[in-house]
């Protein structure tokens, strides 16, 4: 049975970002996969409100926003972003751990839309 959280993520993407989706969201047992119009994809895992991962795999880079409990030096700890490569870590300027699932999905997909429009 699909998690209600995963269905919420998929519906949010379909309802608010159909212009950047290359196909319908795919719901797996632990994640939603979004395929974008440029051929890249994002895996979204959101098991509980305080733990999430948005992993965007592009041709030659990754962009991932997650709450894995490392990088204590960042002001947004535990939230952080990997930009370009796994080891390139910066503060998370896109999500907020106090946001709802829908708010964070909209923020992340808005971020994706802005990059795809460039």
PDB file of N, CA and C in Angstrom:
ATOM      1  N   UNK A   1       0.850  -1.195   0.000  1.00  0.00           N
ATOM      2  CA  UNK A   1       0.000   0.000   0.000  1.00  0.00           C
ATOM      3  C   UNK A   1       0.882   1.241   0.000  1.00  0.00           C
ATOM      4  N   UNK A   2       0.549   2.180  -0.859  1.00  0.00           N
ATOM      5  CA  UNK A   2       1.319   3.411  -0.939  1.00  0.00           C
ATOM      6  C   UNK A   2       1.055   4.282   0.277  1.00  0.00           C
ATOM      7  N   UNK A   3       2.090   4.886   0.753  1.00  0.00           N
ATOM      8  CA  UNK A   3       1.975   5.800   1.873  1.00  0.00           C
ATOM      9  C   UNK A   3       1.176   7.034   1.455  1.00  0.00           C
ATOM     10  N   UNK A   4       0.360   7.507   2.361  1.00  0.00           N
ATOM     11  CA  UNK A   4      -0.404   8.728   2.108  1.00  0.00           C
ATOM     12  C   UNK A   4       0.542   9.895   1.800  1.00  0.00           C
ATOM     13  N   UNK A   5       1.695   9.905   2.443  1.00  0.00           N
ATOM     14  CA  UNK A   5       2.695  10.953   2.197  1.00  0.00           C
ATOM     15  C   UNK A   5       3.167  10.931   0.740  1.00  0.00           C
ATOM     16  N   UNK A   6       3.424   9.734   0.221  1.00  0.00           N
ATOM     17  CA  UNK A   6       3.917   9.617  -1.145  1.00  0.00           C
ATOM     18  C   UNK A   6       2.861  10.044  -2.155  1.00  0.00           C
ATOM     19  N   UNK A   7       1.620   9.714  -1.887  1.00  0.00           N
ATOM     20  CA  UNK A   7       0.522  10.145  -2.760  1.00  0.00           C
ATOM     21  C   UNK A   7       0.401  11.664  -2.732  1.00  0.00           C
ATOM     22  N   UNK A   8       0.554  12.255  -1.561  1.00  0.00           N
ATOM     23  CA  UNK A   8       0.510  13.712  -1.423  1.00  0.00           C
ATOM     24  C   UNK A   8       1.606  14.366  -2.263  1.00  0.00           C
ATOM     25  N   UNK A   9       2.805  13.815  -2.211  1.00  0.00           N
ATOM     26  CA  UNK A   9       3.930  14.345  -2.992  1.00  0.00           C
ATOM     27  C   UNK A   9       3.637  14.257  -4.490  1.00  0.00           C
ATOM     28  N   UNK A  10       3.189  13.096  -4.940  1.00  0.00           N
ATOM     29  CA  UNK A  10       2.904  12.896  -6.364  1.00  0.00           C
ATOM     30  C   UNK A  10       1.809  13.847  -6.845  1.00  0.00           C
ATOM     31  N   UNK A  11       0.754  13.985  -6.078  1.00  0.00           N
ATOM     32  CA  UNK A  11      -0.349  14.883  -6.468  1.00  0.00           C
ATOM     33  C   UNK A  11       0.103  16.336  -6.512  1.00  0.00           C
ATOM     34  N   UNK A  12       0.902  16.736  -5.546  1.00  0.00           N
ATOM     35  CA  UNK A  12       1.411  18.101  -5.521  1.00  0.00           C
ATOM     36  C   UNK A  12       2.221  18.391  -6.789  1.00  0.00           C
ATOM     37  N   UNK A  13       3.079  17.462  -7.165  1.00  0.00           N
ATOM     38  CA  UNK A  13       3.885  17.630  -8.376  1.00  0.00           C
ATOM     39  C   UNK A  13       2.997  17.721  -9.609  1.00  0.00           C
ATOM     40  N   UNK A  14       2.034  16.816  -9.730  1.00  0.00           N
ATOM     41  CA  UNK A  14       1.140  16.810 -10.897  1.00  0.00           C
ATOM     42  C   UNK A  14       0.272  18.062 -10.964  1.00  0.00           C
ATOM     43  N   UNK A  15      -0.231  18.492  -9.822  1.00  0.00           N
ATOM     44  CA  UNK A  15      -1.147  19.629  -9.792  1.00  0.00           C
ATOM     45  C   UNK A  15      -0.458  20.965 -10.037  1.00  0.00           C
ATOM     46  N   UNK A  16       0.751  21.137  -9.510  1.00  0.00           N
ATOM     47  CA  UNK A  16       1.395  22.448  -9.538  1.00  0.00           C
ATOM     48  C   UNK A  16       2.564  22.570 -10.519  1.00  0.00           C
ATOM     49  N   UNK A  17       3.086  21.446 -11.012  1.00  0.00           N
ATOM     50  CA  UNK A  17       4.280  21.503 -11.852  1.00  0.00           C
ATOM     51  C   UNK A  17       4.202  20.614 -13.093  1.00  0.00           C
ATOM     52  N   UNK A  18       3.044  20.535 -13.750  1.00  0.00           N
ATOM     53  CA  UNK A  18       2.957  19.661 -14.929  1.00  0.00           C
ATOM     54  C   UNK A  18       3.878  20.105 -16.062  1.00  0.00           C
ATOM     55  N   UNK A  19       4.223  21.380 -16.092  1.00  0.00           N
ATOM     56  CA  UNK A  19       5.076  21.912 -17.154  1.00  0.00           C
ATOM     57  C   UNK A  19       6.510  21.403 -17.102  1.00  0.00           C
ATOM     58  N   UNK A  20       6.971  20.939 -15.934  1.00  0.00           N
ATOM     59  CA  UNK A  20       8.354  20.451 -15.859  1.00  0.00           C
ATOM     60  C   UNK A  20       8.435  18.924 -15.790  1.00  0.00           C
ATOM     61  N   UNK A  21       7.273  18.267 -15.700  1.00  0.00           N
ATOM     62  CA  UNK A  21       7.270  16.801 -15.629  1.00  0.00           C
ATOM     63  C   UNK A  21       7.263  16.205 -17.025  1.00  0.00           C
ATOM     64  N   UNK A  22       8.120  15.229 -17.246  1.00  0.00           N
ATOM     65  CA  UNK A  22       8.167  14.533 -18.521  1.00  0.00           C
ATOM     66  C   UNK A  22       7.183  13.379 -18.584  1.00  0.00           C
ATOM     67  N   UNK A  23       6.759  12.898 -17.428  1.00  0.00           N
ATOM     68  CA  UNK A  23       5.779  11.821 -17.338  1.00  0.00           C
ATOM     69  C   UNK A  23       5.154  11.854 -15.951  1.00  0.00           C
ATOM     70  N   UNK A  24       4.158  11.015 -15.741  1.00  0.00           N
ATOM     71  CA  UNK A  24       3.467  10.977 -14.451  1.00  0.00           C
ATOM     72  C   UNK A  24       4.412  10.514 -13.351  1.00  0.00           C
ATOM     73  N   UNK A  25       4.266  11.029 -12.137  1.00  0.00           N
ATOM     74  CA  UNK A  25       5.095  10.578 -11.018  1.00  0.00           C
ATOM     75  C   UNK A  25       4.957   9.075 -10.794  1.00  0.00           C
ATOM     76  N   UNK A  26       6.060   8.448 -10.424  1.00  0.00           N
ATOM     77  CA  UNK A  26       6.066   7.023 -10.121  1.00  0.00           C
ATOM     78  C   UNK A  26       6.179   6.862  -8.611  1.00  0.00           C
ATOM     79  N   UNK A  27       5.247   6.130  -8.016  1.00  0.00           N
ATOM     80  CA  UNK A  27       5.250   5.918  -6.574  1.00  0.00           C
ATOM     81  C   UNK A  27       5.773   4.517  -6.278  1.00  0.00           C
ATOM     82  N   UNK A  28       6.838   4.468  -5.487  1.00  0.00           N
ATOM     83  CA  UNK A  28       7.422   3.215  -5.036  1.00  0.00           C
ATOM     84  C   UNK A  28       7.089   3.035  -3.558  1.00  0.00           C
ATOM     85  N   UNK A  29       7.578   1.997  -2.945  1.00  0.00           N
ATOM     86  CA  UNK A  29       7.236   1.744  -1.547  1.00  0.00           C
ATOM     87  C   UNK A  29       7.822   2.774  -0.591  1.00  0.00           C
ATOM     88  N   UNK A  30       8.942   3.411  -0.974  1.00  0.00           N
ATOM     89  CA  UNK A  30       9.600   4.358  -0.066  1.00  0.00           C
ATOM     90  C   UNK A  30       9.912   5.717  -0.679  1.00  0.00           C
ATOM     91  N   UNK A  31       9.500   5.943  -1.931  1.00  0.00           N
ATOM     92  CA  UNK A  31       9.843   7.205  -2.586  1.00  0.00           C
ATOM     93  C   UNK A  31       8.904   7.482  -3.752  1.00  0.00           C
ATOM     94  N   UNK A  32       8.956   8.729  -4.204  1.00  0.00           N
ATOM     95  CA  UNK A  32       8.305   9.144  -5.442  1.00  0.00           C
ATOM     96  C   UNK A  32       9.425   9.527  -6.399  1.00  0.00           C
ATOM     97  N   UNK A  33       9.357   9.055  -7.624  1.00  0.00           N
ATOM     98  CA  UNK A  33      10.320   9.457  -8.653  1.00  0.00           C
ATOM     99  C   UNK A  33       9.610  10.370  -9.643  1.00  0.00           C
ATOM    100  N   UNK A  34      10.224  11.520  -9.861  1.00  0.00           N
ATOM    101  CA  UNK A  34       9.726  12.467 -10.845  1.00  0.00           C
ATOM    102  C   UNK A  34      10.704  12.523 -12.003  1.00  0.00           C
ATOM    103  N   UNK A  35      10.198  12.360 -13.203  1.00  0.00           N
ATOM    104  CA  UNK A  35      11.005  12.490 -14.414  1.00  0.00           C
ATOM    105  C   UNK A  35      10.723  13.874 -14.986  1.00  0.00           C
ATOM    106  N   UNK A  36      11.782  14.631 -15.260  1.00  0.00           N
ATOM    107  CA  UNK A  36      11.618  15.987 -15.752  1.00  0.00           C
ATOM    108  C   UNK A  36      11.766  16.049 -17.273  1.00  0.00           C
ATOM    109  N   UNK A  37      11.311  17.150 -17.842  1.00  0.00           N
ATOM    110  CA  UNK A  37      11.300  17.308 -19.290  1.00  0.00           C
ATOM    111  C   UNK A  37      12.693  17.270 -19.915  1.00  0.00           C
ATOM    112  N   UNK A  38      13.737  17.532 -19.132  1.00  0.00           N
ATOM    113  CA  UNK A  38      15.094  17.497 -19.672  1.00  0.00           C
ATOM    114  C   UNK A  38      15.738  16.114 -19.572  1.00  0.00           C
ATOM    115  N   UNK A  39      14.984  15.117 -19.079  1.00  0.00           N
ATOM    116  CA  UNK A  39      15.505  13.763 -18.949  1.00  0.00           C
ATOM    117  C   UNK A  39      16.110  13.465 -17.587  1.00  0.00           C
ATOM    118  N   UNK A  40      16.256  14.461 -16.735  1.00  0.00           N
ATOM    119  CA  UNK A  40      16.763  14.232 -15.380  1.00  0.00           C
ATOM    120  C   UNK A  40      15.627  13.708 -14.502  1.00  0.00           C
ATOM    121  N   UNK A  41      15.973  13.258 -13.306  1.00  0.00           N
ATOM    122  CA  UNK A  41      14.934  12.760 -12.410  1.00  0.00           C
ATOM    123  C   UNK A  41      15.220  13.152 -10.969  1.00  0.00           C
ATOM    124  N   UNK A  42      14.160  13.117 -10.158  1.00  0.00           N
ATOM    125  CA  UNK A  42      14.283  13.387  -8.732  1.00  0.00           C
ATOM    126  C   UNK A  42      13.597  12.287  -7.957  1.00  0.00           C
ATOM    127  N   UNK A  43      14.301  11.754  -6.954  1.00  0.00           N
ATOM    128  CA  UNK A  43      13.709  10.820  -6.000  1.00  0.00           C
ATOM    129  C   UNK A  43      13.423  11.587  -4.723  1.00  0.00           C
ATOM    130  N   UNK A  44      12.183  11.507  -4.265  1.00  0.00           N
ATOM    131  CA  UNK A  44      11.777  12.198  -3.041  1.00  0.00           C
ATOM    132  C   UNK A  44      11.409  11.155  -2.003  1.00  0.00           C
ATOM    133  N   UNK A  45      12.095  11.233  -0.878  1.00  0.00           N
ATOM    134  CA  UNK A  45      11.786  10.379   0.282  1.00  0.00           C
ATOM    135  C   UNK A  45      11.384  11.305   1.423  1.00  0.00           C
ATOM    136  N   UNK A  46      10.285  10.969   2.088  1.00  0.00           N
ATOM    137  CA  UNK A  46       9.755  11.847   3.145  1.00  0.00           C
ATOM    138  C   UNK A  46       9.054  10.975   4.177  1.00  0.00           C
ATOM    139  N   UNK A  47       9.817  10.120   4.896  1.00  0.00           N
ATOM    140  CA  UNK A  47       9.188   9.161   5.806  1.00  0.00           C
ATOM    141  C   UNK A  47       8.476   9.795   6.999  1.00  0.00           C
ATOM    142  N   UNK A  48       9.014  10.905   7.517  1.00  0.00           N
ATOM    143  CA  UNK A  48       8.385  11.641   8.624  1.00  0.00           C
ATOM    144  C   UNK A  48       8.631  13.124   8.385  1.00  0.00           C
ATOM    145  N   UNK A  49       7.890  13.968   9.114  1.00  0.00           N
ATOM    146  CA  UNK A  49       7.991  15.407   8.875  1.00  0.00           C
ATOM    147  C   UNK A  49       9.407  15.955   8.987  1.00  0.00           C
ATOM    148  N   UNK A  50      10.204  15.425   9.889  1.00  0.00           N
ATOM    149  CA  UNK A  50      11.534  15.976  10.133  1.00  0.00           C
ATOM    150  C   UNK A  50      12.647  15.295   9.334  1.00  0.00           C
ATOM    151  N   UNK A  51      12.308  14.318   8.509  1.00  0.00           N
ATOM    152  CA  UNK A  51      13.318  13.616   7.715  1.00  0.00           C
ATOM    153  C   UNK A  51      12.868  13.551   6.268  1.00  0.00           C
ATOM    154  N   UNK A  52      13.694  14.115   5.400  1.00  0.00           N
ATOM    155  CA  UNK A  52      13.362  14.075   3.976  1.00  0.00           C
ATOM    156  C   UNK A  52      14.625  14.162   3.131  1.00  0.00           C
ATOM    157  N   UNK A  53      14.458  13.750   1.889  1.00  0.00           N
ATOM    158  CA  UNK A  53      15.537  13.819   0.916  1.00  0.00           C
ATOM    159  C   UNK A  53      14.931  14.064  -0.459  1.00  0.00           C
ATOM    160  N   UNK A  54      15.436  15.095  -1.124  1.00  0.00           N
ATOM    161  CA  UNK A  54      15.078  15.400  -2.503  1.00  0.00           C
ATOM    162  C   UNK A  54      16.362  15.230  -3.302  1.00  0.00           C
ATOM    163  N   UNK A  55      16.500  14.131  -4.022  1.00  0.00           N
ATOM    164  CA  UNK A  55      17.733  13.834  -4.759  1.00  0.00           C
ATOM    165  C   UNK A  55      17.463  14.024  -6.248  1.00  0.00           C
ATOM    166  N   UNK A  56      18.057  15.080  -6.830  1.00  0.00           N
ATOM    167  CA  UNK A  56      17.885  15.391  -8.251  1.00  0.00           C
ATOM    168  C   UNK A  56      19.135  14.945  -8.977  1.00  0.00           C
ATOM    169  N   UNK A  57      18.983  13.963  -9.855  1.00  0.00           N
ATOM    170  CA  UNK A  57      20.095  13.417 -10.628  1.00  0.00           C
ATOM    171  C   UNK A  57      20.050  14.014 -12.025  1.00  0.00           C
ATOM    172  N   UNK A  58      21.054  14.820 -12.306  1.00  0.00           N
ATOM    173  CA  UNK A  58      21.177  15.420 -13.630  1.00  0.00           C
ATOM    174  C   UNK A  58      22.299  14.721 -14.374  1.00  0.00           C
ATOM    175  N   UNK A  59      22.487  15.040 -15.630  1.00  0.00           N
ATOM    176  CA  UNK A  59      23.458  14.324 -16.450  1.00  0.00           C
ATOM    177  C   UNK A  59      24.855  14.288 -15.821  1.00  0.00           C
ATOM    178  N   UNK A  60      25.357  15.428 -15.394  1.00  0.00           N
ATOM    179  CA  UNK A  60      26.724  15.473 -14.867  1.00  0.00           C
ATOM    180  C   UNK A  60      26.800  16.026 -13.450  1.00  0.00           C
ATOM    181  N   UNK A  61      25.678  16.056 -12.739  1.00  0.00           N
ATOM    182  CA  UNK A  61      25.696  16.586 -11.383  1.00  0.00           C
ATOM    183  C   UNK A  61      24.520  16.063 -10.571  1.00  0.00           C
ATOM    184  N   UNK A  62      24.655  16.220  -9.270  1.00  0.00           N
ATOM    185  CA  UNK A  62      23.535  15.947  -8.379  1.00  0.00           C
ATOM    186  C   UNK A  62      23.207  17.229  -7.630  1.00  0.00           C
ATOM    187  N   UNK A  63      21.963  17.346  -7.285  1.00  0.00           N
ATOM    188  CA  UNK A  63      21.536  18.366  -6.339  1.00  0.00           C
ATOM    189  C   UNK A  63      20.647  17.617  -5.361  1.00  0.00           C
ATOM    190  N   UNK A  64      21.036  17.645  -4.086  1.00  0.00           N
ATOM    191  CA  UNK A  64      20.241  16.935  -3.093  1.00  0.00           C
ATOM    192  C   UNK A  64      20.040  17.816  -1.870  1.00  0.00           C
ATOM    193  N   UNK A  65      18.819  17.850  -1.423  1.00  0.00           N
ATOM    194  CA  UNK A  65      18.472  18.525  -0.179  1.00  0.00           C
ATOM    195  C   UNK A  65      18.046  17.425   0.775  1.00  0.00           C
ATOM    196  N   UNK A  66      18.685  17.362   1.943  1.00  0.00           N
ATOM    197  CA  UNK A  66      18.293  16.317   2.879  1.00  0.00           C
ATOM    198  C   UNK A  66      18.531  16.751   4.315  1.00  0.00           C
ATOM    199  N   UNK A  67      18.045  15.920   5.215  1.00  0.00           N
ATOM    200  CA  UNK A  67      18.145  16.206   6.648  1.00  0.00           C
ATOM    201  C   UNK A  67      18.961  15.141   7.385  1.00  0.00           C
ATOM    202  N   UNK A  68      19.855  14.477   6.680  1.00  0.00           N
ATOM    203  CA  UNK A  68      20.738  13.518   7.351  1.00  0.00           C
ATOM    204  C   UNK A  68      21.534  14.281   8.413  1.00  0.00           C
ATOM    205  N   UNK A  69      21.664  13.725   9.603  1.00  0.00           N
ATOM    206  CA  UNK A  69      22.248  14.478  10.721  1.00  0.00           C
ATOM    207  C   UNK A  69      23.774  14.581  10.702  1.00  0.00           C
ATOM    208  N   UNK A  70      24.277  15.265   9.703  1.00  0.00           N
ATOM    209  CA  UNK A  70      25.693  15.606   9.678  1.00  0.00           C
ATOM    210  C   UNK A  70      25.805  17.047   9.178  1.00  0.00           C
ATOM    211  N   UNK A  71      26.969  17.579   9.102  1.00  0.00           N
ATOM    212  CA  UNK A  71      27.208  18.984   8.730  1.00  0.00           C
ATOM    213  C   UNK A  71      26.665  19.933   9.792  1.00  0.00           C
ATOM    214  N   UNK A  72      27.028  19.642  11.028  1.00  0.00           N
ATOM    215  CA  UNK A  72      26.595  20.464  12.171  1.00  0.00           C
ATOM    216  C   UNK A  72      27.074  21.912  12.078  1.00  0.00           C
ATOM    217  N   UNK A  73      28.074  22.151  11.267  1.00  0.00           N
ATOM    218  CA  UNK A  73      28.619  23.503  11.139  1.00  0.00           C
ATOM    219  C   UNK A  73      27.678  24.455  10.396  1.00  0.00           C
ATOM    220  N   UNK A  74      26.686  23.926   9.716  1.00  0.00           N
ATOM    221  CA  UNK A  74      25.769  24.767   8.940  1.00  0.00           C
ATOM    222  C   UNK A  74      24.636  25.299   9.809  1.00  0.00           C
ATOM    223  N   UNK A  75      24.237  26.532   9.564  1.00  0.00           N
ATOM    224  CA  UNK A  75      23.177  27.148  10.367  1.00  0.00           C
ATOM    225  C   UNK A  75      21.820  26.482  10.148  1.00  0.00           C
ATOM    226  N   UNK A  76      21.660  25.768   9.038  1.00  0.00           N
ATOM    227  CA  UNK A  76      20.385  25.104   8.748  1.00  0.00           C
ATOM    228  C   UNK A  76      20.373  23.639   9.198  1.00  0.00           C
ATOM    229  N   UNK A  77      21.396  23.233   9.954  1.00  0.00           N
ATOM    230  CA  UNK A  77      21.501  21.846  10.434  1.00  0.00           C
ATOM    231  C   UNK A  77      20.178  21.394  11.055  1.00  0.00           C
ATOM    232  N   UNK A  78      19.716  20.191  10.729  1.00  0.00           N
ATOM    233  CA  UNK A  78      20.370  19.160   9.926  1.00  0.00           C
ATOM    234  C   UNK A  78      20.115  19.284   8.419  1.00  0.00           C
ATOM    235  N   UNK A  79      19.273  20.222   8.023  1.00  0.00           N
ATOM    236  CA  UNK A  79      18.992  20.392   6.587  1.00  0.00           C
ATOM    237  C   UNK A  79      20.213  20.993   5.884  1.00  0.00           C
ATOM    238  N   UNK A  80      20.509  20.476   4.716  1.00  0.00           N
ATOM    239  CA  UNK A  80      21.637  20.951   3.923  1.00  0.00           C
ATOM    240  C   UNK A  80      21.436  20.558   2.462  1.00  0.00           C
ATOM    241  N   UNK A  81      22.253  21.131   1.599  1.00  0.00           N
ATOM    242  CA  UNK A  81      22.179  20.855   0.165  1.00  0.00           C
ATOM    243  C   UNK A  81      23.536  20.378  -0.342  1.00  0.00           C
ATOM    244  N   UNK A  82      23.487  19.400  -1.229  1.00  0.00           N
ATOM    245  CA  UNK A  82      24.657  18.964  -1.983  1.00  0.00           C
ATOM    246  C   UNK A  82      24.461  19.562  -3.376  1.00  0.00           C
ATOM    247  N   UNK A  83      25.401  20.374  -3.804  1.00  0.00           N
ATOM    248  CA  UNK A  83      25.258  21.065  -5.084  1.00  0.00           C
ATOM    249  C   UNK A  83      26.382  20.633  -6.016  1.00  0.00           C
ATOM    250  N   UNK A  84      26.030  19.948  -7.076  1.00  0.00           N
ATOM    251  CA  UNK A  84      27.015  19.527  -8.067  1.00  0.00           C
ATOM    252  C   UNK A  84      27.604  18.165  -7.782  1.00  0.00           C
ATOM    253  N   UNK A  85      28.256  18.041  -6.621  1.00  0.00           N
ATOM    254  CA  UNK A  85      28.886  16.781  -6.226  1.00  0.00           C
ATOM    255  C   UNK A  85      28.519  16.480  -4.776  1.00  0.00           C
ATOM    256  N   UNK A  86      28.654  15.240  -4.423  1.00  0.00           N
ATOM    257  CA  UNK A  86      28.336  14.779  -3.066  1.00  0.00           C
ATOM    258  C   UNK A  86      29.064  15.589  -1.989  1.00  0.00           C
ATOM    259  N   UNK A  87      30.312  15.915  -2.245  1.00  0.00           N
ATOM    260  CA  UNK A  87      31.125  16.591  -1.233  1.00  0.00           C
ATOM    261  C   UNK A  87      30.925  18.112  -1.174  1.00  0.00           C
ATOM    262  N   UNK A  88      30.200  18.684  -2.113  1.00  0.00           N
ATOM    263  CA  UNK A  88      29.946  20.126  -2.115  1.00  0.00           C
ATOM    264  C   UNK A  88      28.661  20.415  -1.353  1.00  0.00           C
ATOM    265  N   UNK A  89      28.793  20.749  -0.073  1.00  0.00           N
ATOM    266  CA  UNK A  89      27.656  20.893   0.830  1.00  0.00           C
ATOM    267  C   UNK A  89      27.510  22.353   1.258  1.00  0.00           C
ATOM    268  N   UNK A  90      26.262  22.844   1.204  1.00  0.00           N
ATOM    269  CA  UNK A  90      25.960  24.224   1.610  1.00  0.00           C
ATOM    270  C   UNK A  90      24.684  24.228   2.446  1.00  0.00           C
ATOM    271  N   UNK A  91      24.384  25.380   3.024  1.00  0.00           N
ATOM    272  CA  UNK A  91      23.156  25.534   3.798  1.00  0.00           C
ATOM    273  C   UNK A  91      21.937  25.359   2.890  1.00  0.00           C
ATOM    274  N   UNK A  92      20.884  24.826   3.441  1.00  0.00           N
ATOM    275  CA  UNK A  92      19.635  24.620   2.713  1.00  0.00           C
ATOM    276  C   UNK A  92      18.870  25.935   2.667  1.00  0.00           C
ATOM    277  N   UNK A  93      18.731  26.499   1.474  1.00  0.00           N
ATOM    278  CA  UNK A  93      17.998  27.750   1.287  1.00  0.00           C
ATOM    279  C   UNK A  93      16.642  27.528   0.618  1.00  0.00           C
ATOM    280  N   UNK A  94      16.237  26.259   0.479  1.00  0.00           N
ATOM    281  CA  UNK A  94      15.022  25.940  -0.272  1.00  0.00           C
ATOM    282  C   UNK A  94      13.909  25.405   0.625  1.00  0.00           C
ATOM    283  N   UNK A  95      14.235  24.491   1.516  1.00  0.00           N
ATOM    284  CA  UNK A  95      13.207  23.891   2.372  1.00  0.00           C
ATOM    285  C   UNK A  95      13.286  24.449   3.788  1.00  0.00           C
ATOM    286  N   UNK A  96      12.274  24.117   4.555  1.00  0.00           N
ATOM    287  CA  UNK A  96      12.249  24.486   5.969  1.00  0.00           C
ATOM    288  C   UNK A  96      11.621  23.325   6.721  1.00  0.00           C
ATOM    289  N   UNK A  97      12.267  22.863   7.761  1.00  0.00           N
ATOM    290  CA  UNK A  97      11.766  21.704   8.494  1.00  0.00           C
ATOM    291  C   UNK A  97      10.420  21.964   9.170  1.00  0.00           C
ATOM    292  N   UNK A  98      10.032  23.223   9.321  1.00  0.00           N
ATOM    293  CA  UNK A  98       8.728  23.562   9.900  1.00  0.00           C
ATOM    294  C   UNK A  98       7.616  23.606   8.863  1.00  0.00           C
ATOM    295  N   UNK A  99       7.966  23.515   7.584  1.00  0.00           N
ATOM    296  CA  UNK A  99       6.965  23.529   6.518  1.00  0.00           C
ATOM    297  C   UNK A  99       6.213  22.205   6.449  1.00  0.00           C
ATOM    298  N   UNK A 100       5.055  22.253   5.826  1.00  0.00           N
ATOM    299  CA  UNK A 100       4.324  21.027   5.516  1.00  0.00           C
ATOM    300  C   UNK A 100       5.023  20.320   4.358  1.00  0.00           C
ATOM    301  N   UNK A 101       4.656  19.067   4.143  1.00  0.00           N
ATOM    302  CA  UNK A 101       5.188  18.324   2.992  1.00  0.00           C
ATOM    303  C   UNK A 101       4.922  19.093   1.708  1.00  0.00           C
ATOM    304  N   UNK A 102       3.682  19.559   1.534  1.00  0.00           N
ATOM    305  CA  UNK A 102       3.306  20.268   0.310  1.00  0.00           C
ATOM    306  C   UNK A 102       4.137  21.530   0.112  1.00  0.00           C
ATOM    307  N   UNK A 103       4.371  22.281   1.183  1.00  0.00           N
ATOM    308  CA  UNK A 103       5.169  23.504   1.062  1.00  0.00           C
ATOM    309  C   UNK A 103       6.596  23.184   0.619  1.00  0.00           C
ATOM    310  N   UNK A 104       7.191  22.178   1.214  1.00  0.00           N
ATOM    311  CA  UNK A 104       8.559  21.830   0.825  1.00  0.00           C
ATOM    312  C   UNK A 104       8.622  21.285  -0.601  1.00  0.00           C
ATOM    313  N   UNK A 105       7.648  20.474  -0.992  1.00  0.00           N
ATOM    314  CA  UNK A 105       7.632  19.969  -2.375  1.00  0.00           C
ATOM    315  C   UNK A 105       7.484  21.135  -3.348  1.00  0.00           C
ATOM    316  N   UNK A 106       6.580  22.062  -3.072  1.00  0.00           N
ATOM    317  CA  UNK A 106       6.407  23.225  -3.957  1.00  0.00           C
ATOM    318  C   UNK A 106       7.683  24.071  -4.010  1.00  0.00           C
ATOM    319  N   UNK A 107       8.334  24.259  -2.869  1.00  0.00           N
ATOM    320  CA  UNK A 107       9.580  25.038  -2.862  1.00  0.00           C
ATOM    321  C   UNK A 107      10.669  24.362  -3.684  1.00  0.00           C
ATOM    322  N   UNK A 108      10.831  23.061  -3.512  1.00  0.00           N
ATOM    323  CA  UNK A 108      11.873  22.337  -4.241  1.00  0.00           C
ATOM    324  C   UNK A 108      11.562  22.308  -5.738  1.00  0.00           C
ATOM    325  N   UNK A 109      10.322  22.034  -6.096  1.00  0.00           N
ATOM    326  CA  UNK A 109       9.991  21.975  -7.525  1.00  0.00           C
ATOM    327  C   UNK A 109      10.004  23.360  -8.165  1.00  0.00           C
ATOM    328  N   UNK A 110       9.739  24.399  -7.398  1.00  0.00           N
ATOM    329  CA  UNK A 110       9.918  25.761  -7.907  1.00  0.00           C
ATOM    330  C   UNK A 110      11.386  26.040  -8.189  1.00  0.00           C
ATOM    331  N   UNK A 111      12.259  25.569  -7.309  1.00  0.00           N
ATOM    332  CA  UNK A 111      13.709  25.662  -7.490  1.00  0.00           C
ATOM    333  C   UNK A 111      14.122  24.929  -8.771  1.00  0.00           C
ATOM    334  N   UNK A 112      13.596  23.720  -8.968  1.00  0.00           N
ATOM    335  CA  UNK A 112      13.888  22.943 -10.187  1.00  0.00           C
ATOM    336  C   UNK A 112      13.410  23.702 -11.420  1.00  0.00           C
ATOM    337  N   UNK A 113      12.192  24.230 -11.371  1.00  0.00           N
ATOM    338  CA  UNK A 113      11.634  24.969 -12.511  1.00  0.00           C
ATOM    339  C   UNK A 113      12.544  26.139 -12.895  1.00  0.00           C
ATOM    340  N   UNK A 114      13.009  26.887 -11.909  1.00  0.00           N
ATOM    341  CA  UNK A 114      13.873  28.034 -12.194  1.00  0.00           C
ATOM    342  C   UNK A 114      15.164  27.587 -12.892  1.00  0.00           C
ATOM    343  N   UNK A 115      15.731  26.476 -12.464  1.00  0.00           N
ATOM    344  CA  UNK A 115      16.961  25.978 -13.086  1.00  0.00           C
ATOM    345  C   UNK A 115      16.678  25.473 -14.507  1.00  0.00           C
ATOM    346  N   UNK A 116      15.569  24.768 -14.691  1.00  0.00           N
ATOM    347  CA  UNK A 116      15.250  24.236 -16.021  1.00  0.00           C
ATOM    348  C   UNK A 116      14.936  25.358 -17.019  1.00  0.00           C
ATOM    349  N   UNK A 117      14.437  26.475 -16.531  1.00  0.00           N
ATOM    350  CA  UNK A 117      14.090  27.600 -17.419  1.00  0.00           C
ATOM    351  C   UNK A 117      15.326  28.342 -17.923  1.00  0.00           C
ATOM    352  N   UNK A 118      16.478  28.135 -17.269  1.00  0.00           N
ATOM    353  CA  UNK A 118      17.702  28.858 -17.665  1.00  0.00           C
ATOM    354  C   UNK A 118      18.249  28.329 -18.966  1.00  0.00           C
TER     355      UNK A 118
END
